[in-house]
Amino acid sequence: MAIDKNKNDRVSLTIEKELKEQCKELAELESRSLNSFIINAIKEYIKNNHKE
């Protein structure tokens, strides 16, 4: 899938190796890429904790 540079930005993220492995395992269970899993987790966090 092509990245739309007008819609998406890249960010550098540093996380603990153990947390990365946990995210990778959970992503595989959901048939997602690690990137997709992290994006979904952030969106869910915002939706559940920052209602306008």
PDB file of N, CA and C in Angstrom:
ATOM      1  N   MET A   1       0.849  -1.178   0.000  1.00  0.00           N
ATOM      2  CA  MET A   1       0.000   0.000   0.000  1.00  0.00           C
ATOM      3  C   MET A   1       0.895   1.241   0.000  1.00  0.00           C
ATOM      4  N   ALA A   2       0.629   2.159  -0.880  1.00  0.00           N
ATOM      5  CA  ALA A   2       1.425   3.382  -1.010  1.00  0.00           C
ATOM      6  C   ALA A   2       1.123   4.338   0.138  1.00  0.00           C
ATOM      7  N   ILE A   3       2.134   5.084   0.533  1.00  0.00           N
ATOM      8  CA  ILE A   3       1.982   6.071   1.594  1.00  0.00           C
ATOM      9  C   ILE A   3       1.654   7.414   0.968  1.00  0.00           C
ATOM     10  N   ASP A   4       0.535   8.000   1.377  1.00  0.00           N
ATOM     11  CA  ASP A   4       0.125   9.314   0.897  1.00  0.00           C
ATOM     12  C   ASP A   4       0.874  10.364   1.709  1.00  0.00           C
ATOM     13  N   LYS A   5       1.891  10.970   1.122  1.00  0.00           N
ATOM     14  CA  LYS A   5       2.727  11.927   1.848  1.00  0.00           C
ATOM     15  C   LYS A   5       1.980  13.201   2.214  1.00  0.00           C
ATOM     16  N   ASN A   6       0.833  13.462   1.584  1.00  0.00           N
ATOM     17  CA  ASN A   6       0.033  14.626   1.945  1.00  0.00           C
ATOM     18  C   ASN A   6      -0.819  14.346   3.175  1.00  0.00           C
ATOM     19  N   LYS A   7      -1.038  13.061   3.490  1.00  0.00           N
ATOM     20  CA  LYS A   7      -1.894  12.679   4.601  1.00  0.00           C
ATOM     21  C   LYS A   7      -1.111  12.123   5.791  1.00  0.00           C
ATOM     22  N   ASN A   8       0.027  11.517   5.526  1.00  0.00           N
ATOM     23  CA  ASN A   8       0.783  10.827   6.570  1.00  0.00           C
ATOM     24  C   ASN A   8       2.140  11.467   6.814  1.00  0.00           C
ATOM     25  N   ASP A   9       2.578  11.409   8.063  1.00  0.00           N
ATOM     26  CA  ASP A   9       3.917  11.833   8.464  1.00  0.00           C
ATOM     27  C   ASP A   9       4.593  10.654   9.141  1.00  0.00           C
ATOM     28  N   ARG A  10       5.895  10.594   9.038  1.00  0.00           N
ATOM     29  CA  ARG A  10       6.669   9.579   9.749  1.00  0.00           C
ATOM     30  C   ARG A  10       7.149  10.175  11.065  1.00  0.00           C
ATOM     31  N   VAL A  11       7.172   9.335  12.098  1.00  0.00           N
ATOM     32  CA  VAL A  11       7.724   9.746  13.386  1.00  0.00           C
ATOM     33  C   VAL A  11       8.694   8.671  13.858  1.00  0.00           C
ATOM     34  N   SER A  12       9.678   9.107  14.588  1.00  0.00           N
ATOM     35  CA  SER A  12      10.615   8.171  15.194  1.00  0.00           C
ATOM     36  C   SER A  12      10.133   7.905  16.611  1.00  0.00           C
ATOM     37  N   LEU A  13      10.053   6.644  16.982  1.00  0.00           N
ATOM     38  CA  LEU A  13       9.519   6.265  18.288  1.00  0.00           C
ATOM     39  C   LEU A  13      10.509   5.328  18.965  1.00  0.00           C
ATOM     40  N   THR A  14      10.885   5.646  20.185  1.00  0.00           N
ATOM     41  CA  THR A  14      11.783   4.784  20.941  1.00  0.00           C
ATOM     42  C   THR A  14      10.991   4.156  22.081  1.00  0.00           C
ATOM     43  N   ILE A  15      10.932   2.814  22.086  1.00  0.00           N
ATOM     44  CA  ILE A  15      10.225   2.100  23.147  1.00  0.00           C
ATOM     45  C   ILE A  15      11.116   0.974  23.665  1.00  0.00           C
ATOM     46  N   GLU A  16      10.798   0.492  24.853  1.00  0.00           N
ATOM     47  CA  GLU A  16      11.548  -0.620  25.429  1.00  0.00           C
ATOM     48  C   GLU A  16      11.397  -1.853  24.545  1.00  0.00           C
ATOM     49  N   LYS A  17      12.445  -2.645  24.458  1.00  0.00           N
ATOM     50  CA  LYS A  17      12.421  -3.836  23.611  1.00  0.00           C
ATOM     51  C   LYS A  17      11.306  -4.790  24.019  1.00  0.00           C
ATOM     52  N   GLU A  18      11.082  -4.939  25.325  1.00  0.00           N
ATOM     53  CA  GLU A  18      10.026  -5.829  25.806  1.00  0.00           C
ATOM     54  C   GLU A  18       8.647  -5.347  25.355  1.00  0.00           C
ATOM     55  N   LEU A  19       8.413  -4.038  25.419  1.00  0.00           N
ATOM     56  CA  LEU A  19       7.134  -3.483  24.973  1.00  0.00           C
ATOM     57  C   LEU A  19       6.949  -3.696  23.476  1.00  0.00           C
ATOM     58  N   LYS A  20       8.016  -3.528  22.718  1.00  0.00           N
ATOM     59  CA  LYS A  20       7.940  -3.760  21.273  1.00  0.00           C
ATOM     60  C   LYS A  20       7.558  -5.205  20.985  1.00  0.00           C
ATOM     61  N   GLU A  21       8.163  -6.139  21.691  1.00  0.00           N
ATOM     62  CA  GLU A  21       7.851  -7.555  21.477  1.00  0.00           C
ATOM     63  C   GLU A  21       6.405  -7.855  21.844  1.00  0.00           C
ATOM     64  N   GLN A  22       5.913  -7.263  22.926  1.00  0.00           N
ATOM     65  CA  GLN A  22       4.511  -7.450  23.312  1.00  0.00           C
ATOM     66  C   GLN A  22       3.586  -6.917  22.224  1.00  0.00           C
ATOM     67  N   CYS A  23       3.894  -5.749  21.703  1.00  0.00           N
ATOM     68  CA  CYS A  23       3.077  -5.157  20.640  1.00  0.00           C
ATOM     69  C   CYS A  23       3.119  -6.011  19.384  1.00  0.00           C
ATOM     70  N   LYS A  24       4.298  -6.530  19.035  1.00  0.00           N
ATOM     71  CA  LYS A  24       4.419  -7.387  17.854  1.00  0.00           C
ATOM     72  C   LYS A  24       3.569  -8.645  18.002  1.00  0.00           C
ATOM     73  N   GLU A  25       3.593  -9.262  19.186  1.00  0.00           N
ATOM     74  CA  GLU A  25       2.803 -10.468  19.428  1.00  0.00           C
ATOM     75  C   GLU A  25       1.315 -10.170  19.326  1.00  0.00           C
ATOM     76  N   LEU A  26       0.882  -9.072  19.920  1.00  0.00           N
ATOM     77  CA  LEU A  26      -0.532  -8.699  19.858  1.00  0.00           C
ATOM     78  C   LEU A  26      -0.944  -8.343  18.434  1.00  0.00           C
ATOM     79  N   ALA A  27      -0.066  -7.678  17.714  1.00  0.00           N
ATOM     80  CA  ALA A  27      -0.353  -7.329  16.319  1.00  0.00           C
ATOM     81  C   ALA A  27      -0.558  -8.592  15.492  1.00  0.00           C
ATOM     82  N   GLU A  28       0.287  -9.589  15.701  1.00  0.00           N
ATOM     83  CA  GLU A  28       0.149 -10.848  14.967  1.00  0.00           C
ATOM     84  C   GLU A  28      -1.173 -11.527  15.288  1.00  0.00           C
ATOM     85  N   LEU A  29      -1.593 -11.489  16.551  1.00  0.00           N
ATOM     86  CA  LEU A  29      -2.874 -12.084  16.937  1.00  0.00           C
ATOM     87  C   LEU A  29      -4.047 -11.406  16.227  1.00  0.00           C
ATOM     88  N   GLU A  30      -3.895 -10.121  15.944  1.00  0.00           N
ATOM     89  CA  GLU A  30      -4.942  -9.351  15.265  1.00  0.00           C
ATOM     90  C   GLU A  30      -4.709  -9.263  13.762  1.00  0.00           C
ATOM     91  N   SER A  31      -3.735 -10.000  13.257  1.00  0.00           N
ATOM     92  CA  SER A  31      -3.382  -9.983  11.826  1.00  0.00           C
ATOM     93  C   SER A  31      -3.100  -8.560  11.342  1.00  0.00           C
ATOM     94  N   ARG A  32      -2.344  -7.821  12.128  1.00  0.00           N
ATOM     95  CA  ARG A  32      -1.966  -6.446  11.798  1.00  0.00           C
ATOM     96  C   ARG A  32      -0.451  -6.345  11.726  1.00  0.00           C
ATOM     97  N   SER A  33       0.010  -5.303  11.068  1.00  0.00           N
ATOM     98  CA  SER A  33       1.432  -4.970  11.148  1.00  0.00           C
ATOM     99  C   SER A  33       1.655  -4.266  12.485  1.00  0.00           C
ATOM    100  N   LEU A  34       2.899  -4.186  12.896  1.00  0.00           N
ATOM    101  CA  LEU A  34       3.218  -3.476  14.132  1.00  0.00           C
ATOM    102  C   LEU A  34       2.782  -2.017  14.023  1.00  0.00           C
ATOM    103  N   ASN A  35       3.039  -1.400  12.878  1.00  0.00           N
ATOM    104  CA  ASN A  35       2.650  -0.006  12.654  1.00  0.00           C
ATOM    105  C   ASN A  35       1.136   0.172  12.791  1.00  0.00           C
ATOM    106  N   SER A  36       0.384  -0.698  12.147  1.00  0.00           N
ATOM    107  CA  SER A  36      -1.073  -0.623  12.204  1.00  0.00           C
ATOM    108  C   SER A  36      -1.575  -0.818  13.630  1.00  0.00           C
ATOM    109  N   PHE A  37      -0.965  -1.747  14.357  1.00  0.00           N
ATOM    110  CA  PHE A  37      -1.358  -2.000  15.741  1.00  0.00           C
ATOM    111  C   PHE A  37      -1.145  -0.758  16.604  1.00  0.00           C
ATOM    112  N   ILE A  38       0.018  -0.125  16.464  1.00  0.00           N
ATOM    113  CA  ILE A  38       0.333   1.058  17.267  1.00  0.00           C
ATOM    114  C   ILE A  38      -0.603   2.214  16.922  1.00  0.00           C
ATOM    115  N   ILE A  39      -0.868   2.428  15.638  1.00  0.00           N
ATOM    116  CA  ILE A  39      -1.791   3.493  15.228  1.00  0.00           C
ATOM    117  C   ILE A  39      -3.178   3.244  15.808  1.00  0.00           C
ATOM    118  N   ASN A  40      -3.648   2.002  15.718  1.00  0.00           N
ATOM    119  CA  ASN A  40      -4.960   1.661  16.251  1.00  0.00           C
ATOM    120  C   ASN A  40      -5.004   1.872  17.767  1.00  0.00           C
ATOM    121  N   ALA A  41      -3.948   1.484  18.470  1.00  0.00           N
ATOM    122  CA  ALA A  41      -3.896   1.660  19.923  1.00  0.00           C
ATOM    123  C   ALA A  41      -3.967   3.143  20.295  1.00  0.00           C
ATOM    124  N   ILE A  42      -3.256   3.982  19.570  1.00  0.00           N
ATOM    125  CA  ILE A  42      -3.280   5.425  19.840  1.00  0.00           C
ATOM    126  C   ILE A  42      -4.672   5.996  19.571  1.00  0.00           C
ATOM    127  N   LYS A  43      -5.280   5.599  18.456  1.00  0.00           N
ATOM    128  CA  LYS A  43      -6.631   6.087  18.134  1.00  0.00           C
ATOM    129  C   LYS A  43      -7.635   5.667  19.200  1.00  0.00           C
ATOM    130  N   GLU A  44      -7.565   4.414  19.660  1.00  0.00           N
ATOM    131  CA  GLU A  44      -8.479   3.927  20.699  1.00  0.00           C
ATOM    132  C   GLU A  44      -8.263   4.676  22.013  1.00  0.00           C
ATOM    133  N   TYR A  45      -7.007   4.938  22.350  1.00  0.00           N
ATOM    134  CA  TYR A  45      -6.704   5.681  23.573  1.00  0.00           C
ATOM    135  C   TYR A  45      -7.327   7.077  23.514  1.00  0.00           C
ATOM    136  N   ILE A  46      -7.141   7.755  22.400  1.00  0.00           N
ATOM    137  CA  ILE A  46      -7.697   9.104  22.244  1.00  0.00           C
ATOM    138  C   ILE A  46      -9.219   9.057  22.305  1.00  0.00           C
ATOM    139  N   LYS A  47      -9.820   8.106  21.609  1.00  0.00           N
ATOM    140  CA  LYS A  47     -11.281   7.975  21.586  1.00  0.00           C
ATOM    141  C   LYS A  47     -11.838   7.737  22.992  1.00  0.00           C
ATOM    142  N   ASN A  48     -11.160   6.904  23.772  1.00  0.00           N
ATOM    143  CA  ASN A  48     -11.665   6.527  25.093  1.00  0.00           C
ATOM    144  C   ASN A  48     -11.302   7.502  26.205  1.00  0.00           C
ATOM    145  N   ASN A  49     -10.305   8.341  26.002  1.00  0.00           N
ATOM    146  CA  ASN A  49      -9.829   9.192  27.088  1.00  0.00           C
ATOM    147  C   ASN A  49      -9.914  10.688  26.831  1.00  0.00           C
ATOM    148  N   HIS A  50     -10.234  11.072  25.624  1.00  0.00           N
ATOM    149  CA  HIS A  50     -10.252  12.500  25.296  1.00  0.00           C
ATOM    150  C   HIS A  50     -11.477  12.843  24.461  1.00  0.00           C
ATOM    151  N   LYS A  51     -12.629  12.587  25.043  1.00  0.00           N
ATOM    152  CA  LYS A  51     -13.875  12.877  24.336  1.00  0.00           C
ATOM    153  C   LYS A  51     -14.130  14.374  24.354  1.00  0.00           C
ATOM    154  N   GLU A  52     -14.581  14.887  23.234  1.00  0.00           N
ATOM    155  CA  GLU A  52     -14.856  16.332  23.145  1.00  0.00           C
ATOM    156  C   GLU A  52     -16.301  16.609  23.425  1.00  0.00           C
TER     157      GLU A  52
END
